[in-house]
Amino acid sequence: NNHDEERPWFKAKQWGDGAMKTDLAVRCARIPLNMAFQVLLNGPQLFYHYDEIGFDFSKFQNADGEWGSDGHDKYGIEPYVNEEMKMKTKFRPEPWINSENPRMQAYQKVAQIIQLRTRLLPKVFEGDPTAASISGGKSLRTIQWGSNVFAAGNFAASGTQTVSLPSGTWYDYLGGAAKADASYTLQPGEVKVFTGSQINAPQIPSHYDFKVGVENVFFNEAPKASKILRNGQVLIRRNGETYNILAEKVE
């Protein structure tokens, strides 16, 4: 993704095939698939914030979902899309961050996939994949890093795909580190990640409680704040003080 393109989950909700357009759970089930085939590959992983929970508002909508009353008619939507709305404050998805929302199951899998690359097997992903079948138009796509990691995904909107695992012993990383079978039938939008050794995926919270103070630190006074990265941790610097992403003062 980049800022010149529309958000992918808005596109899926607006123009997706079949149930992808109408069913939130179907869209959410595809989120780990899309993210896996971004974050596991080499190069910069560029995606919109909240892609991991299926943010499905247009970049031209404001925090209330409004499109504006002027500008050009980009999507055939009344009132017309207003280019200036791109710079307006967007809907904030805190109400989605709970265990009852299907977005959180997707979020948990995405976090486990990212941690496989960044924390559990970082050395494996320093090199290029040893095999890949990911060209556009393919329904079944696969990536392999030797005997260490094998990922397979069904990108089709409908219809199953059968994947045969490479020779050797594999474990279903997202499926509880169980020993893998020789082949799997993938449902539309399903992704599987296999590891050559038995690795338990980390436990990811299914909900978050937002603390009092987050509002002021991150939003109301945003022009006074700056983001810094220190030892792999994102911190917010404001008025000479430093906070973590939970708005807790660290120095």
Protein backbone atom coordinates (compact mmCIF):
# COMPACT_ATOMS: atom_id res chain seq x y z
CA ASN A 1 0.00 0.00 0.00
CA ASN A 2 0.94 3.64 -0.23
CA HIS A 3 -0.84 6.90 0.41
CA ASP A 4 -1.66 7.33 -3.28
CA GLU A 5 -3.78 4.19 -3.26
CA GLU A 6 -7.03 3.37 -1.50
CA ARG A 7 -7.05 1.30 1.66
CA PRO A 8 -7.27 -2.42 0.70
CA TRP A 9 -10.06 -3.34 3.10
CA PHE A 10 -12.18 -0.42 1.95
CA LYS A 11 -11.68 -1.73 -1.59
CA ALA A 12 -12.69 -5.22 -0.48
CA LYS A 13 -15.84 -3.89 1.20
CA GLN A 14 -16.68 -1.68 -1.77
CA TRP A 15 -15.84 -3.95 -4.71
CA GLY A 16 -14.95 -7.40 -3.33
CA ASP A 17 -16.22 -10.61 -4.86
CA GLY A 18 -19.16 -12.38 -3.24
CA ALA A 19 -19.16 -12.60 0.54
CA MET A 20 -15.91 -10.62 0.73
CA LYS A 21 -17.93 -7.50 -0.02
CA THR A 22 -20.75 -8.16 2.44
CA ASP A 23 -19.32 -10.26 5.29
CA LEU A 24 -16.87 -8.74 7.78
CA ALA A 25 -15.77 -12.16 9.05
CA VAL A 26 -14.87 -13.27 5.52
CA ARG A 27 -12.77 -10.14 4.98
CA CYS A 28 -11.08 -10.52 8.35
CA ALA A 29 -10.15 -14.12 7.59
CA ARG A 30 -8.05 -12.84 4.65
CA ILE A 31 -6.08 -10.28 6.66
CA PRO A 32 -3.34 -12.71 7.86
CA LEU A 33 -2.97 -13.98 4.27
CA ASN A 34 -2.32 -10.51 2.86
CA MET A 35 -0.01 -9.51 5.70
CA ALA A 36 2.00 -12.76 5.65
CA PHE A 37 2.92 -12.28 2.01
CA GLN A 38 4.11 -8.76 2.81
CA VAL A 39 5.96 -9.00 6.11
CA LEU A 40 7.76 -12.29 5.44
CA LEU A 41 9.34 -11.05 2.22
CA ASN A 42 12.50 -8.98 1.97
CA GLY A 43 12.38 -5.24 1.50
CA PRO A 44 10.30 -2.54 3.19
CA GLN A 45 6.93 -3.73 4.46
CA LEU A 46 4.67 -0.84 3.54
CA PHE A 47 1.06 -1.00 4.67
CA TYR A 48 -1.52 1.35 6.13
CA HIS A 49 -1.82 1.54 9.90
CA TYR A 50 -4.71 -0.66 11.11
CA ASP A 51 -4.46 -2.92 8.04
CA GLU A 52 -3.89 -5.66 10.61
CA ILE A 53 -7.46 -5.23 11.85
CA GLY A 54 -9.07 -4.59 8.49
CA PHE A 55 -9.55 -0.81 8.61
CA ASP A 56 -12.26 -0.35 5.98
CA PHE A 57 -12.93 3.39 5.81
CA SER A 58 -11.81 5.25 2.71
CA LYS A 59 -8.91 7.66 2.91
CA PHE A 60 -11.40 10.26 1.69
CA GLN A 61 -13.74 9.83 4.69
CA ASN A 62 -13.54 11.73 7.96
CA ALA A 63 -13.89 10.40 11.51
CA ASP A 64 -17.67 10.15 11.13
CA GLY A 65 -17.48 8.35 7.81
CA GLU A 66 -18.53 11.46 5.89
CA TRP A 67 -17.32 12.05 2.33
CA GLY A 68 -17.73 15.82 2.13
CA SER A 69 -20.04 17.88 -0.02
CA ASP A 70 -17.75 18.98 -2.84
CA GLY A 71 -14.83 17.71 -4.87
CA HIS A 72 -14.93 15.24 -7.74
CA ASP A 73 -17.06 12.14 -8.05
CA LYS A 74 -14.37 9.44 -7.71
CA TYR A 75 -16.41 6.41 -6.73
CA GLY A 76 -19.91 7.33 -7.84
CA ILE A 77 -20.80 8.10 -4.22
CA GLU A 78 -23.17 10.83 -3.03
CA PRO A 79 -22.13 13.26 -1.69
CA TYR A 80 -19.06 13.47 -3.86
CA VAL A 81 -15.57 12.54 -2.72
CA ASN A 82 -13.72 15.60 -1.45
CA GLU A 83 -9.94 15.51 -1.95
CA GLU A 84 -9.49 17.69 1.14
CA MET A 85 -11.12 14.98 3.28
CA LYS A 86 -7.94 12.92 2.87
CA MET A 87 -6.30 15.20 5.41
CA LYS A 88 -9.15 15.06 7.93
CA THR A 89 -9.00 13.06 11.16
CA LYS A 90 -10.01 9.43 10.55
CA PHE A 91 -12.25 7.05 12.42
CA ARG A 92 -10.43 5.61 15.42
CA PRO A 93 -10.87 1.86 15.77
CA GLU A 94 -10.57 1.44 19.55
CA PRO A 95 -14.12 -0.04 19.73
CA TRP A 96 -12.91 -2.87 17.49
CA ILE A 97 -10.08 -3.90 19.82
CA ASN A 98 -11.85 -6.60 21.80
CA SER A 99 -12.16 -10.37 21.78
CA GLU A 100 -15.73 -10.32 20.43
CA ASN A 101 -14.72 -8.67 17.17
CA PRO A 102 -13.52 -10.92 14.31
CA ARG A 103 -10.83 -8.35 13.59
CA MET A 104 -8.97 -9.41 16.73
CA GLN A 105 -8.48 -13.00 15.56
CA ALA A 106 -6.84 -11.60 12.45
CA TYR A 107 -4.74 -9.22 14.55
CA GLN A 108 -3.47 -12.08 16.70
CA LYS A 109 -2.35 -14.13 13.69
CA VAL A 110 -0.69 -11.11 12.08
CA ALA A 111 1.23 -10.44 15.31
CA GLN A 112 2.37 -14.06 15.44
CA ILE A 113 3.54 -13.92 11.83
CA ILE A 114 5.49 -10.71 12.44
CA GLN A 115 7.10 -12.12 15.59
CA LEU A 116 8.18 -15.23 13.70
CA ARG A 117 10.22 -12.97 11.46
CA THR A 118 11.43 -10.38 13.97
CA ARG A 119 11.86 -12.33 17.21
CA LEU A 120 11.72 -16.10 16.75
CA LEU A 121 13.62 -16.73 13.48
CA PRO A 122 15.21 -13.39 12.49
CA LYS A 123 18.32 -15.03 10.97
CA VAL A 124 16.23 -17.14 8.60
CA PHE A 125 14.66 -14.06 7.03
CA GLU A 126 17.93 -12.21 6.51
CA GLY A 127 18.40 -14.17 3.31
CA ASP A 128 16.29 -14.40 0.19
CA PRO A 129 13.64 -17.13 -0.07
CA THR A 130 15.02 -20.32 -1.60
CA ALA A 131 11.82 -20.82 -3.60
CA ALA A 132 8.77 -18.69 -4.33
CA SER A 133 5.65 -18.88 -6.45
CA ILE A 134 3.94 -15.54 -5.92
CA SER A 135 3.38 -14.00 -9.33
CA GLY A 136 0.16 -12.08 -9.97
CA GLY A 137 -2.85 -14.07 -11.06
CA LYS A 138 -1.91 -17.17 -9.07
CA SER A 139 -4.55 -18.42 -6.64
CA LEU A 140 -2.12 -20.64 -4.71
CA ARG A 141 1.04 -18.81 -3.71
CA THR A 142 3.98 -20.19 -1.73
CA ILE A 143 7.28 -19.00 -0.29
CA GLN A 144 10.04 -21.17 1.17
CA TRP A 145 13.18 -20.49 3.18
CA GLY A 146 15.08 -23.77 2.91
CA SER A 147 14.07 -26.27 5.58
CA ASN A 148 13.14 -23.51 8.02
CA VAL A 149 9.89 -21.84 6.89
CA PHE A 150 7.26 -22.57 4.26
CA ALA A 151 4.20 -20.33 3.76
CA ALA A 152 1.22 -21.08 1.53
CA GLY A 153 -1.90 -19.04 0.84
CA ASN A 154 -5.07 -19.28 -1.22
CA PHE A 155 -5.68 -15.88 -2.80
CA ALA A 156 -8.79 -16.98 -4.71
CA ALA A 157 -12.13 -15.34 -3.89
CA SER A 158 -13.79 -18.75 -4.18
CA GLY A 159 -12.67 -22.34 -4.52
CA THR A 160 -10.20 -24.38 -2.48
CA GLN A 161 -6.53 -24.94 -3.31
CA THR A 162 -4.40 -27.94 -2.33
CA VAL A 163 -0.78 -27.38 -1.35
CA SER A 164 1.86 -30.09 -1.00
CA LEU A 165 4.57 -29.38 1.56
CA PRO A 166 8.25 -29.70 0.63
CA SER A 167 10.00 -32.88 1.71
CA GLY A 168 11.07 -33.05 5.33
CA THR A 169 9.38 -32.59 8.68
CA TRP A 170 7.21 -29.51 9.13
CA TYR A 171 5.13 -28.02 11.96
CA ASP A 172 1.98 -25.92 11.68
CA TYR A 173 3.11 -22.68 13.33
CA LEU A 174 -0.30 -20.95 13.41
CA GLY A 175 -2.09 -24.20 14.19
CA GLY A 176 -0.48 -24.85 17.56
CA ALA A 177 2.91 -26.15 16.40
CA ALA A 178 1.37 -29.52 15.51
CA LYS A 179 3.31 -31.82 13.22
CA ALA A 180 2.17 -31.07 9.68
CA ASP A 181 0.66 -33.46 7.13
CA ALA A 182 2.06 -33.87 3.63
CA SER A 183 -0.63 -31.68 2.05
CA TYR A 184 -3.43 -29.29 2.99
CA THR A 185 -6.60 -28.01 1.40
CA LEU A 186 -6.73 -24.24 1.83
CA GLN A 187 -10.03 -22.38 1.96
CA PRO A 188 -10.36 -19.08 0.05
CA GLY A 189 -8.32 -16.46 1.92
CA GLU A 190 -6.57 -19.01 4.16
CA VAL A 191 -2.86 -18.92 4.94
CA LYS A 192 -0.67 -21.57 6.51
CA VAL A 193 2.84 -21.03 7.88
CA PHE A 194 5.01 -24.06 8.57
CA THR A 195 8.35 -24.23 10.39
CA GLY A 196 11.05 -26.88 10.18
CA SER A 197 11.31 -27.06 13.96
CA GLN A 198 8.53 -27.06 16.53
CA ILE A 199 7.96 -23.42 17.48
CA ASN A 200 5.07 -22.31 19.65
CA ALA A 201 3.49 -19.07 18.48
CA PRO A 202 3.52 -16.38 21.20
CA GLN A 203 0.32 -15.59 23.07
CA ILE A 204 -1.23 -12.34 21.81
CA PRO A 205 -3.82 -10.36 23.85
CA SER A 206 -7.37 -10.58 22.54
CA HIS A 207 -8.32 -7.14 23.82
CA TYR A 208 -6.73 -3.91 25.04
CA ASP A 209 -7.85 -1.42 27.65
CA PHE A 210 -7.12 2.17 26.70
CA LYS A 211 -5.85 4.22 29.62
CA VAL A 212 -6.88 7.71 30.57
CA GLY A 213 -4.29 10.08 29.15
CA VAL A 214 -3.85 8.42 25.77
CA GLU A 215 -6.26 10.94 24.28
CA ASN A 216 -4.18 13.96 25.29
CA VAL A 217 -0.77 12.52 24.53
CA PHE A 218 -1.48 11.15 21.09
CA PHE A 219 -4.29 13.17 19.59
CA ASN A 220 -5.31 16.47 21.16
CA GLU A 221 -1.71 17.61 21.34
CA ALA A 222 -0.39 15.74 18.33
CA PRO A 223 1.32 18.81 16.80
CA LYS A 224 3.49 19.06 19.92
CA ALA A 225 4.49 15.39 19.85
CA SER A 226 7.14 13.51 17.90
CA LYS A 227 7.74 9.79 17.43
CA ILE A 228 11.09 8.18 18.13
CA LEU A 229 12.39 4.61 17.82
CA ARG A 230 14.68 3.39 20.59
CA ASN A 231 15.95 -0.18 20.93
CA GLY A 232 13.11 -1.41 18.73
CA GLN A 233 10.45 0.37 20.82
CA VAL A 234 8.25 3.20 19.52
CA LEU A 235 8.15 6.12 21.95
CA ILE A 236 6.39 9.49 21.92
CA ARG A 237 8.31 12.63 22.87
CA ARG A 238 6.16 15.57 24.05
CA ASN A 239 7.08 18.72 25.97
CA GLY A 240 10.44 17.30 27.02
CA GLU A 241 8.95 14.05 28.35
CA THR A 242 8.88 10.55 26.83
CA TYR A 243 5.93 8.13 26.81
CA ASN A 244 5.43 4.59 25.57
CA ILE A 245 2.50 3.62 23.32
CA LEU A 246 0.28 3.09 26.39
CA ALA A 247 0.81 6.73 27.36
CA GLU A 248 2.95 5.71 30.35
CA LYS A 249 5.73 8.15 31.14
CA VAL A 250 9.13 6.45 30.82
CA GLU A 251 11.43 9.43 31.39
